[in-house]
Full PDB file with SEQRES, HELIX, SHEET, SSBOND, CRYST1, ORIGX, SCALE, CONECT and MASTER records, all heavy atoms in Angstrom:
SEQRES   1 A   32  GLN LEU GLU LYS SER SER GLN PHE ARG SER ILE ARG LYS          
SEQRES   2 A   32  GLU VAL ALA TRP ILE GLU THR VAL ILE SER GLN ARG ARG          
SEQRES   3 A   32  LEU LYS LYS GLU LYS ALA                                      
HELIX    1 AA1 SER A    6  LYS A   31  1                                  26    
CRYST1    1.000    1.000    1.000  90.00  90.00  90.00 P 1           1          
ORIGX1      1.000000  0.000000  0.000000        0.00000                         
ORIGX2      0.000000  1.000000  0.000000        0.00000                         
ORIGX3      0.000000  0.000000  1.000000        0.00000                         
SCALE1      1.000000  0.000000  0.000000        0.00000                         
SCALE2      0.000000  1.000000  0.000000        0.00000                         
SCALE3      0.000000  0.000000  1.000000        0.00000                         
ATOM      1  N   GLN A   1       2.610 175.638 105.782  1.00  0.00           N  
ATOM      2  CA  GLN A   1       1.996 174.983 106.929  1.00  0.00           C  
ATOM      3  C   GLN A   1       2.802 173.804 107.452  1.00  0.00           C  
ATOM      4  O   GLN A   1       2.427 173.209 108.461  1.00  0.00           O  
ATOM      5  CB  GLN A   1       0.599 174.491 106.551  1.00  0.00           C  
ATOM      6  CG  GLN A   1      -0.339 175.590 106.122  1.00  0.00           C  
ATOM      7  CD  GLN A   1      -1.637 175.033 105.583  1.00  0.00           C  
ATOM      8  OE1 GLN A   1      -1.722 173.870 105.227  1.00  0.00           O  
ATOM      9  NE2 GLN A   1      -2.653 175.889 105.508  1.00  0.00           N  
ATOM     10  N   LEU A   2       3.873 173.445 106.794  1.00  0.00           N  
ATOM     11  CA  LEU A   2       4.649 172.263 107.183  1.00  0.00           C  
ATOM     12  C   LEU A   2       5.470 172.564 108.425  1.00  0.00           C  
ATOM     13  O   LEU A   2       6.204 173.544 108.479  1.00  0.00           O  
ATOM     14  CB  LEU A   2       5.567 171.826 106.037  1.00  0.00           C  
ATOM     15  CG  LEU A   2       6.367 170.556 106.264  1.00  0.00           C  
ATOM     16  CD1 LEU A   2       5.426 169.364 106.402  1.00  0.00           C  
ATOM     17  CD2 LEU A   2       7.317 170.324 105.117  1.00  0.00           C  
ATOM     18  N   GLU A   3       5.311 171.711 109.446  1.00  0.00           N  
ATOM     19  CA  GLU A   3       6.032 171.914 110.698  1.00  0.00           C  
ATOM     20  C   GLU A   3       7.325 171.116 110.754  1.00  0.00           C  
ATOM     21  O   GLU A   3       8.332 171.595 111.227  1.00  0.00           O  
ATOM     22  CB  GLU A   3       5.136 171.534 111.877  1.00  0.00           C  
ATOM     23  CG  GLU A   3       3.941 172.444 112.023  1.00  0.00           C  
ATOM     24  CD  GLU A   3       3.041 172.029 113.160  1.00  0.00           C  
ATOM     25  OE1 GLU A   3       3.419 171.136 113.931  1.00  0.00           O  
ATOM     26  OE2 GLU A   3       1.954 172.613 113.270  1.00  0.00           O  
ATOM     27  N   LYS A   4       7.274 169.860 110.284  1.00  0.00           N  
ATOM     28  CA  LYS A   4       8.452 168.998 110.354  1.00  0.00           C  
ATOM     29  C   LYS A   4       8.926 168.645 108.949  1.00  0.00           C  
ATOM     30  O   LYS A   4       8.347 167.794 108.286  1.00  0.00           O  
ATOM     31  CB  LYS A   4       8.133 167.697 111.081  1.00  0.00           C  
ATOM     32  CG  LYS A   4       7.911 167.801 112.545  1.00  0.00           C  
ATOM     33  CD  LYS A   4       7.930 166.395 113.105  1.00  0.00           C  
ATOM     34  CE  LYS A   4       7.016 166.207 114.260  1.00  0.00           C  
ATOM     35  NZ  LYS A   4       6.966 164.816 114.687  1.00  0.00           N  
ATOM     36  N   SER A   5       9.972 169.273 108.508  1.00  0.00           N  
ATOM     37  CA  SER A   5      10.487 168.967 107.176  1.00  0.00           C  
ATOM     38  C   SER A   5      11.272 167.655 107.178  1.00  0.00           C  
ATOM     39  O   SER A   5      11.589 167.123 106.116  1.00  0.00           O  
ATOM     40  CB  SER A   5      11.370 170.101 106.667  1.00  0.00           C  
ATOM     41  OG  SER A   5      12.472 170.285 107.522  1.00  0.00           O  
ATOM     42  N   SER A   6      11.555 167.114 108.346  1.00  0.00           N  
ATOM     43  CA  SER A   6      12.274 165.844 108.437  1.00  0.00           C  
ATOM     44  C   SER A   6      11.435 164.669 107.938  1.00  0.00           C  
ATOM     45  O   SER A   6      11.969 163.602 107.662  1.00  0.00           O  
ATOM     46  CB  SER A   6      12.716 165.588 109.876  1.00  0.00           C  
ATOM     47  OG  SER A   6      11.592 165.453 110.719  1.00  0.00           O  
ATOM     48  N   GLN A   7      10.140 164.872 107.815  1.00  0.00           N  
ATOM     49  CA  GLN A   7       9.261 163.816 107.323  1.00  0.00           C  
ATOM     50  C   GLN A   7       9.601 163.447 105.885  1.00  0.00           C  
ATOM     51  O   GLN A   7       9.449 162.300 105.488  1.00  0.00           O  
ATOM     52  CB  GLN A   7       7.805 164.248 107.408  1.00  0.00           C  
ATOM     53  CG  GLN A   7       7.292 164.354 108.828  1.00  0.00           C  
ATOM     54  CD  GLN A   7       5.895 164.939 108.876  1.00  0.00           C  
ATOM     55  OE1 GLN A   7       5.577 165.862 108.134  1.00  0.00           O  
ATOM     56  NE2 GLN A   7       5.071 164.402 109.756  1.00  0.00           N  
ATOM     57  N   PHE A   8      10.064 164.419 105.095  1.00  0.00           N  
ATOM     58  CA  PHE A   8      10.459 164.144 103.719  1.00  0.00           C  
ATOM     59  C   PHE A   8      11.525 163.056 103.664  1.00  0.00           C  
ATOM     60  O   PHE A   8      11.450 162.131 102.869  1.00  0.00           O  
ATOM     61  CB  PHE A   8      11.011 165.397 103.030  1.00  0.00           C  
ATOM     62  CG  PHE A   8       9.969 166.401 102.634  1.00  0.00           C  
ATOM     63  CD1 PHE A   8       9.960 167.652 103.203  1.00  0.00           C  
ATOM     64  CD2 PHE A   8       9.007 166.089 101.690  1.00  0.00           C  
ATOM     65  CE1 PHE A   8       9.018 168.585 102.833  1.00  0.00           C  
ATOM     66  CE2 PHE A   8       8.053 167.011 101.315  1.00  0.00           C  
ATOM     67  CZ  PHE A   8       8.050 168.267 101.893  1.00  0.00           C  
ATOM     68  N   ARG A   9      12.513 163.192 104.508  1.00  0.00           N  
ATOM     69  CA  ARG A   9      13.627 162.244 104.512  1.00  0.00           C  
ATOM     70  C   ARG A   9      13.162 160.842 104.901  1.00  0.00           C  
ATOM     71  O   ARG A   9      13.554 159.854 104.273  1.00  0.00           O  
ATOM     72  CB  ARG A   9      14.717 162.723 105.457  1.00  0.00           C  
ATOM     73  CG  ARG A   9      15.923 161.823 105.434  1.00  0.00           C  
ATOM     74  CD  ARG A   9      17.059 162.413 106.238  1.00  0.00           C  
ATOM     75  NE  ARG A   9      18.241 161.589 106.049  1.00  0.00           N  
ATOM     76  CZ  ARG A   9      19.018 161.185 107.026  1.00  0.00           C  
ATOM     77  NH1 ARG A   9      18.783 161.551 108.262  1.00  0.00           N  
ATOM     78  NH2 ARG A   9      20.051 160.430 106.776  1.00  0.00           N  
ATOM     79  N   SER A  10      12.347 160.746 105.931  1.00  0.00           N  
ATOM     80  CA  SER A  10      11.891 159.425 106.372  1.00  0.00           C  
ATOM     81  C   SER A  10      11.018 158.758 105.308  1.00  0.00           C  
ATOM     82  O   SER A  10      11.106 157.539 105.109  1.00  0.00           O  
ATOM     83  CB  SER A  10      11.150 159.523 107.705  1.00  0.00           C  
ATOM     84  OG  SER A  10       9.990 160.307 107.570  1.00  0.00           O  
ATOM     85  N   ILE A  11      10.216 159.535 104.607  1.00  0.00           N  
ATOM     86  CA  ILE A  11       9.378 158.969 103.542  1.00  0.00           C  
ATOM     87  C   ILE A  11      10.253 158.495 102.391  1.00  0.00           C  
ATOM     88  O   ILE A  11      10.054 157.395 101.868  1.00  0.00           O  
ATOM     89  CB  ILE A  11       8.331 159.995 103.063  1.00  0.00           C  
ATOM     90  CG1 ILE A  11       7.278 160.184 104.139  1.00  0.00           C  
ATOM     91  CG2 ILE A  11       7.687 159.534 101.750  1.00  0.00           C  
ATOM     92  CD1 ILE A  11       6.265 161.262 103.836  1.00  0.00           C  
ATOM     93  N   ARG A  12      11.222 159.301 101.982  1.00  0.00           N  
ATOM     94  CA  ARG A  12      12.121 158.905 100.897  1.00  0.00           C  
ATOM     95  C   ARG A  12      12.890 157.639 101.255  1.00  0.00           C  
ATOM     96  O   ARG A  12      13.073 156.744 100.426  1.00  0.00           O  
ATOM     97  CB  ARG A  12      13.107 160.024 100.571  1.00  0.00           C  
ATOM     98  CG  ARG A  12      12.539 161.120  99.733  1.00  0.00           C  
ATOM     99  CD  ARG A  12      13.608 162.004  99.128  1.00  0.00           C  
ATOM    100  NE  ARG A  12      14.734 162.287  99.994  1.00  0.00           N  
ATOM    101  CZ  ARG A  12      14.896 163.402 100.713  1.00  0.00           C  
ATOM    102  NH1 ARG A  12      13.987 164.346 100.674  1.00  0.00           N  
ATOM    103  NH2 ARG A  12      15.962 163.572 101.455  1.00  0.00           N  
ATOM    104  N   LYS A  13      13.309 157.543 102.508  1.00  0.00           N  
ATOM    105  CA  LYS A  13      14.058 156.368 102.960  1.00  0.00           C  
ATOM    106  C   LYS A  13      13.189 155.113 102.896  1.00  0.00           C  
ATOM    107  O   LYS A  13      13.625 154.069 102.419  1.00  0.00           O  
ATOM    108  CB  LYS A  13      14.555 156.582 104.391  1.00  0.00           C  
ATOM    109  CG  LYS A  13      15.443 155.444 104.886  1.00  0.00           C  
ATOM    110  CD  LYS A  13      15.758 155.563 106.362  1.00  0.00           C  
ATOM    111  CE  LYS A  13      16.676 156.707 106.661  1.00  0.00           C  
ATOM    112  NZ  LYS A  13      17.140 156.699 108.071  1.00  0.00           N  
ATOM    113  N   GLU A  14      11.948 155.228 103.355  1.00  0.00           N  
ATOM    114  CA  GLU A  14      11.068 154.066 103.345  1.00  0.00           C  
ATOM    115  C   GLU A  14      10.730 153.636 101.912  1.00  0.00           C  
ATOM    116  O   GLU A  14      10.695 152.450 101.607  1.00  0.00           O  
ATOM    117  CB  GLU A  14       9.784 154.359 104.120  1.00  0.00           C  
ATOM    118  CG  GLU A  14       8.959 153.120 104.363  1.00  0.00           C  
ATOM    119  CD  GLU A  14       7.800 153.352 105.322  1.00  0.00           C  
ATOM    120  OE1 GLU A  14       7.854 154.289 106.138  1.00  0.00           O  
ATOM    121  OE2 GLU A  14       6.840 152.580 105.248  1.00  0.00           O  
ATOM    122  N   VAL A  15      10.523 154.600 101.020  1.00  0.00           N  
ATOM    123  CA  VAL A  15      10.270 154.277  99.616  1.00  0.00           C  
ATOM    124  C   VAL A  15      11.487 153.558  99.027  1.00  0.00           C  
ATOM    125  O   VAL A  15      11.340 152.577  98.294  1.00  0.00           O  
ATOM    126  CB  VAL A  15       9.924 155.542  98.800  1.00  0.00           C  
ATOM    127  CG1 VAL A  15       9.942 155.251  97.304  1.00  0.00           C  
ATOM    128  CG2 VAL A  15       8.567 156.087  99.207  1.00  0.00           C  
ATOM    129  N   ALA A  16      12.671 154.004  99.357  1.00  0.00           N  
ATOM    130  CA  ALA A  16      13.890 153.363  98.858  1.00  0.00           C  
ATOM    131  C   ALA A  16      13.998 151.932  99.378  1.00  0.00           C  
ATOM    132  O   ALA A  16      14.377 151.026  98.627  1.00  0.00           O  
ATOM    133  CB  ALA A  16      15.117 154.172  99.269  1.00  0.00           C  
ATOM    134  N   TRP A  17      13.665 151.714 100.635  1.00  0.00           N  
ATOM    135  CA  TRP A  17      13.690 150.355 101.191  1.00  0.00           C  
ATOM    136  C   TRP A  17      12.722 149.460 100.431  1.00  0.00           C  
ATOM    137  O   TRP A  17      13.051 148.337 100.073  1.00  0.00           O  
ATOM    138  CB  TRP A  17      13.316 150.362 102.659  1.00  0.00           C  
ATOM    139  CG  TRP A  17      14.386 150.813 103.609  1.00  0.00           C  
ATOM    140  CD1 TRP A  17      15.723 150.909 103.373  1.00  0.00           C  
ATOM    141  CD2 TRP A  17      14.199 151.214 104.967  1.00  0.00           C  
ATOM    142  NE1 TRP A  17      16.370 151.346 104.493  1.00  0.00           N  
ATOM    143  CE2 TRP A  17      15.457 151.539 105.493  1.00  0.00           C  
ATOM    144  CE3 TRP A  17      13.091 151.327 105.785  1.00  0.00           C  
ATOM    145  CZ2 TRP A  17      15.645 151.971 106.792  1.00  0.00           C  
ATOM    146  CZ3 TRP A  17      13.274 151.761 107.086  1.00  0.00           C  
ATOM    147  CH2 TRP A  17      14.545 152.078 107.581  1.00  0.00           C  
ATOM    148  N   ILE A  18      11.522 149.981 100.191  1.00  0.00           N  
ATOM    149  CA  ILE A  18      10.502 149.203  99.490  1.00  0.00           C  
ATOM    150  C   ILE A  18      10.975 148.863  98.085  1.00  0.00           C  
ATOM    151  O   ILE A  18      10.866 147.717  97.641  1.00  0.00           O  
ATOM    152  CB  ILE A  18       9.160 149.968  99.469  1.00  0.00           C  
ATOM    153  CG1 ILE A  18       8.564 149.997 100.872  1.00  0.00           C  
ATOM    154  CG2 ILE A  18       8.185 149.332  98.477  1.00  0.00           C  
ATOM    155  CD1 ILE A  18       7.365 150.896 101.025  1.00  0.00           C  
ATOM    156  N   GLU A  19      11.511 149.840  97.381  1.00  0.00           N  
ATOM    157  CA  GLU A  19      12.001 149.596  96.023  1.00  0.00           C  
ATOM    158  C   GLU A  19      13.138 148.584  96.017  1.00  0.00           C  
ATOM    159  O   GLU A  19      13.227 147.748  95.113  1.00  0.00           O  
ATOM    160  CB  GLU A  19      12.442 150.901  95.375  1.00  0.00           C  
ATOM    161  CG  GLU A  19      11.276 151.809  95.038  1.00  0.00           C  
ATOM    162  CD  GLU A  19      11.707 153.143  94.481  1.00  0.00           C  
ATOM    163  OE1 GLU A  19      12.913 153.459  94.489  1.00  0.00           O  
ATOM    164  OE2 GLU A  19      10.821 153.888  94.027  1.00  0.00           O  
ATOM    165  N   THR A  20      13.989 148.626  97.018  1.00  0.00           N  
ATOM    166  CA  THR A  20      15.094 147.675  97.116  1.00  0.00           C  
ATOM    167  C   THR A  20      14.574 146.261  97.338  1.00  0.00           C  
ATOM    168  O   THR A  20      15.039 145.319  96.697  1.00  0.00           O  
ATOM    169  CB  THR A  20      16.046 148.073  98.259  1.00  0.00           C  
ATOM    170  OG1 THR A  20      16.561 149.377  97.995  1.00  0.00           O  
ATOM    171  CG2 THR A  20      17.185 147.089  98.402  1.00  0.00           C  
ATOM    172  N   VAL A  21      13.612 146.103  98.224  1.00  0.00           N  
ATOM    173  CA  VAL A  21      13.046 144.787  98.509  1.00  0.00           C  
ATOM    174  C   VAL A  21      12.364 144.232  97.260  1.00  0.00           C  
ATOM    175  O   VAL A  21      12.544 143.063  96.912  1.00  0.00           O  
ATOM    176  CB  VAL A  21      12.062 144.849  99.702  1.00  0.00           C  
ATOM    177  CG1 VAL A  21      11.278 143.560  99.845  1.00  0.00           C  
ATOM    178  CG2 VAL A  21      12.817 145.150 100.983  1.00  0.00           C  
ATOM    179  N   ILE A  22      11.600 145.064  96.567  1.00  0.00           N  
ATOM    180  CA  ILE A  22      10.938 144.631  95.334  1.00  0.00           C  
ATOM    181  C   ILE A  22      11.977 144.196  94.307  1.00  0.00           C  
ATOM    182  O   ILE A  22      11.840 143.148  93.672  1.00  0.00           O  
ATOM    183  CB  ILE A  22      10.041 145.756  94.774  1.00  0.00           C  
ATOM    184  CG1 ILE A  22       8.831 145.965  95.680  1.00  0.00           C  
ATOM    185  CG2 ILE A  22       9.591 145.429  93.350  1.00  0.00           C  
ATOM    186  CD1 ILE A  22       7.999 147.191  95.320  1.00  0.00           C  
ATOM    187  N   SER A  23      13.021 144.963  94.153  1.00  0.00           N  
ATOM    188  CA  SER A  23      14.074 144.653  93.184  1.00  0.00           C  
ATOM    189  C   SER A  23      14.796 143.352  93.539  1.00  0.00           C  
ATOM    190  O   SER A  23      15.055 142.519  92.666  1.00  0.00           O  
ATOM    191  CB  SER A  23      15.073 145.803  93.134  1.00  0.00           C  
ATOM    192  OG  SER A  23      16.134 145.502  92.287  1.00  0.00           O  
ATOM    193  N   GLN A  24      15.104 143.175  94.801  1.00  0.00           N  
ATOM    194  CA  GLN A  24      15.785 141.955  95.236  1.00  0.00           C  
ATOM    195  C   GLN A  24      14.921 140.725  94.975  1.00  0.00           C  
ATOM    196  O   GLN A  24      15.422 139.689  94.534  1.00  0.00           O  
ATOM    197  CB  GLN A  24      16.129 142.032  96.727  1.00  0.00           C  
ATOM    198  CG  GLN A  24      17.269 142.946  97.032  1.00  0.00           C  
ATOM    199  CD  GLN A  24      17.507 143.092  98.523  1.00  0.00           C  
ATOM    200  OE1 GLN A  24      16.654 142.761  99.348  1.00  0.00           O  
ATOM    201  NE2 GLN A  24      18.680 143.600  98.879  1.00  0.00           N  
ATOM    202  N   ARG A  25      13.631 140.838  95.239  1.00  0.00           N  
ATOM    203  CA  ARG A  25      12.728 139.707  94.999  1.00  0.00           C  
ATOM    204  C   ARG A  25      12.632 139.389  93.508  1.00  0.00           C  
ATOM    205  O   ARG A  25      12.603 138.233  93.119  1.00  0.00           O  
ATOM    206  CB  ARG A  25      11.344 140.009  95.560  1.00  0.00           C  
ATOM    207  CG  ARG A  25      11.312 139.977  97.071  1.00  0.00           C  
ATOM    208  CD  ARG A  25       9.933 140.245  97.585  1.00  0.00           C  
ATOM    209  NE  ARG A  25       9.933 140.287  99.038  1.00  0.00           N  
ATOM    210  CZ  ARG A  25       8.864 140.573  99.772  1.00  0.00           C  
ATOM    211  NH1 ARG A  25       7.712 140.823  99.187  1.00  0.00           N  
ATOM    212  NH2 ARG A  25       8.944 140.610 101.082  1.00  0.00           N  
ATOM    213  N   ARG A  26      12.573 140.433  92.677  1.00  0.00           N  
ATOM    214  CA  ARG A  26      12.496 140.223  91.238  1.00  0.00           C  
ATOM    215  C   ARG A  26      13.761 139.542  90.727  1.00  0.00           C  
ATOM    216  O   ARG A  26      13.697 138.587  89.944  1.00  0.00           O  
ATOM    217  CB  ARG A  26      12.284 141.552  90.517  1.00  0.00           C  
ATOM    218  CG  ARG A  26      12.070 141.385  89.014  1.00  0.00           C  
ATOM    219  CD  ARG A  26      11.854 142.696  88.284  1.00  0.00           C  
ATOM    220  NE  ARG A  26      13.016 143.545  88.428  1.00  0.00           N  
ATOM    221  CZ  ARG A  26      13.021 144.758  88.989  1.00  0.00           C  
ATOM    222  NH1 ARG A  26      11.911 145.267  89.469  1.00  0.00           N  
ATOM    223  NH2 ARG A  26      14.133 145.468  89.075  1.00  0.00           N  
ATOM    224  N   LEU A  27      14.922 139.993  91.187  1.00  0.00           N  
ATOM    225  CA  LEU A  27      16.185 139.378  90.772  1.00  0.00           C  
ATOM    226  C   LEU A  27      16.277 137.928  91.235  1.00  0.00           C  
ATOM    227  O   LEU A  27      16.788 137.068  90.515  1.00  0.00           O  
ATOM    228  CB  LEU A  27      17.368 140.182  91.309  1.00  0.00           C  
ATOM    229  CG  LEU A  27      17.592 141.545  90.665  1.00  0.00           C  
ATOM    230  CD1 LEU A  27      18.691 142.301  91.403  1.00  0.00           C  
ATOM    231  CD2 LEU A  27      17.928 141.394  89.199  1.00  0.00           C  
ATOM    232  N   LYS A  28      15.773 137.655  92.426  1.00  0.00           N  
ATOM    233  CA  LYS A  28      15.785 136.298  92.955  1.00  0.00           C  
ATOM    234  C   LYS A  28      14.915 135.376  92.094  1.00  0.00           C  
ATOM    235  O   LYS A  28      15.303 134.250  91.797  1.00  0.00           O  
ATOM    236  CB  LYS A  28      15.280 136.310  94.397  1.00  0.00           C  
ATOM    237  CG  LYS A  28      15.481 135.034  95.149  1.00  0.00           C  
ATOM    238  CD  LYS A  28      15.059 135.209  96.595  1.00  0.00           C  
ATOM    239  CE  LYS A  28      15.315 133.968  97.405  1.00  0.00           C  
ATOM    240  NZ  LYS A  28      14.895 134.130  98.800  1.00  0.00           N  
ATOM    241  N   LYS A  29      13.749 135.889  91.670  1.00  0.00           N  
ATOM    242  CA  LYS A  29      12.861 135.115  90.799  1.00  0.00           C  
ATOM    243  C   LYS A  29      13.528 134.857  89.455  1.00  0.00           C  
ATOM    244  O   LYS A  29      13.469 133.739  88.926  1.00  0.00           O  
ATOM    245  CB  LYS A  29      11.548 135.848  90.571  1.00  0.00           C  
ATOM    246  CG  LYS A  29      10.571 135.764  91.691  1.00  0.00           C  
ATOM    247  CD  LYS A  29       9.288 136.496  91.311  1.00  0.00           C  
ATOM    248  CE  LYS A  29       8.316 136.548  92.455  1.00  0.00           C  
ATOM    249  NZ  LYS A  29       7.093 137.307  92.099  1.00  0.00           N  
ATOM    250  N   GLU A  30      14.147 135.876  88.881  1.00  0.00           N  
ATOM    251  CA  GLU A  30      14.802 135.738  87.589  1.00  0.00           C  
ATOM    252  C   GLU A  30      15.949 134.727  87.664  1.00  0.00           C  
ATOM    253  O   GLU A  30      16.142 133.933  86.757  1.00  0.00           O  
ATOM    254  CB  GLU A  30      15.307 137.088  87.097  1.00  0.00           C  
ATOM    255  CG  GLU A  30      14.223 138.021  86.674  1.00  0.00           C  
ATOM    256  CD  GLU A  30      14.738 139.405  86.314  1.00  0.00           C  
ATOM    257  OE1 GLU A  30      15.977 139.633  86.351  1.00  0.00           O  
ATOM    258  OE2 GLU A  30      13.909 140.282  85.992  1.00  0.00           O  
ATOM    259  N   LYS A  31      16.674 134.765  88.741  1.00  0.00           N  
ATOM    260  CA  LYS A  31      17.784 133.841  88.927  1.00  0.00           C  
ATOM    261  C   LYS A  31      17.280 132.399  89.058  1.00  0.00           C  
ATOM    262  O   LYS A  31      17.861 131.478  88.520  1.00  0.00           O  
ATOM    263  CB  LYS A  31      18.604 134.239  90.160  1.00  0.00           C  
ATOM    264  CG  LYS A  31      19.920 133.548  90.275  1.00  0.00           C  
ATOM    265  CD  LYS A  31      20.712 134.115  91.439  1.00  0.00           C  
ATOM    266  CE  LYS A  31      22.078 133.496  91.493  1.00  0.00           C  
ATOM    267  NZ  LYS A  31      22.867 134.029  92.612  1.00  0.00           N  
ATOM    268  N   ALA A  32      16.172 132.235  89.782  1.00  0.00           N  
ATOM    269  CA  ALA A  32      15.598 130.905  89.958  1.00  0.00           C  
ATOM    270  C   ALA A  32      15.055 130.365  88.629  1.00  0.00           C  
ATOM    271  O   ALA A  32      15.157 129.175  88.345  1.00  0.00           O  
ATOM    272  CB  ALA A  32      14.499 130.951  91.004  1.00  0.00           C  
TER     273      ALA A  32                                                      
MASTER        0    0    0    1    0    0    0    6  272    1    0    3          
END                                                                             
């Protein structure tokens, strides 16, 4: 039933952005 398989890529990209932001904030806290 899936019409747009391109949605997979956009979701994976957004999850990666979120994980990167979380990681950067954690490293910043650890450094501080």
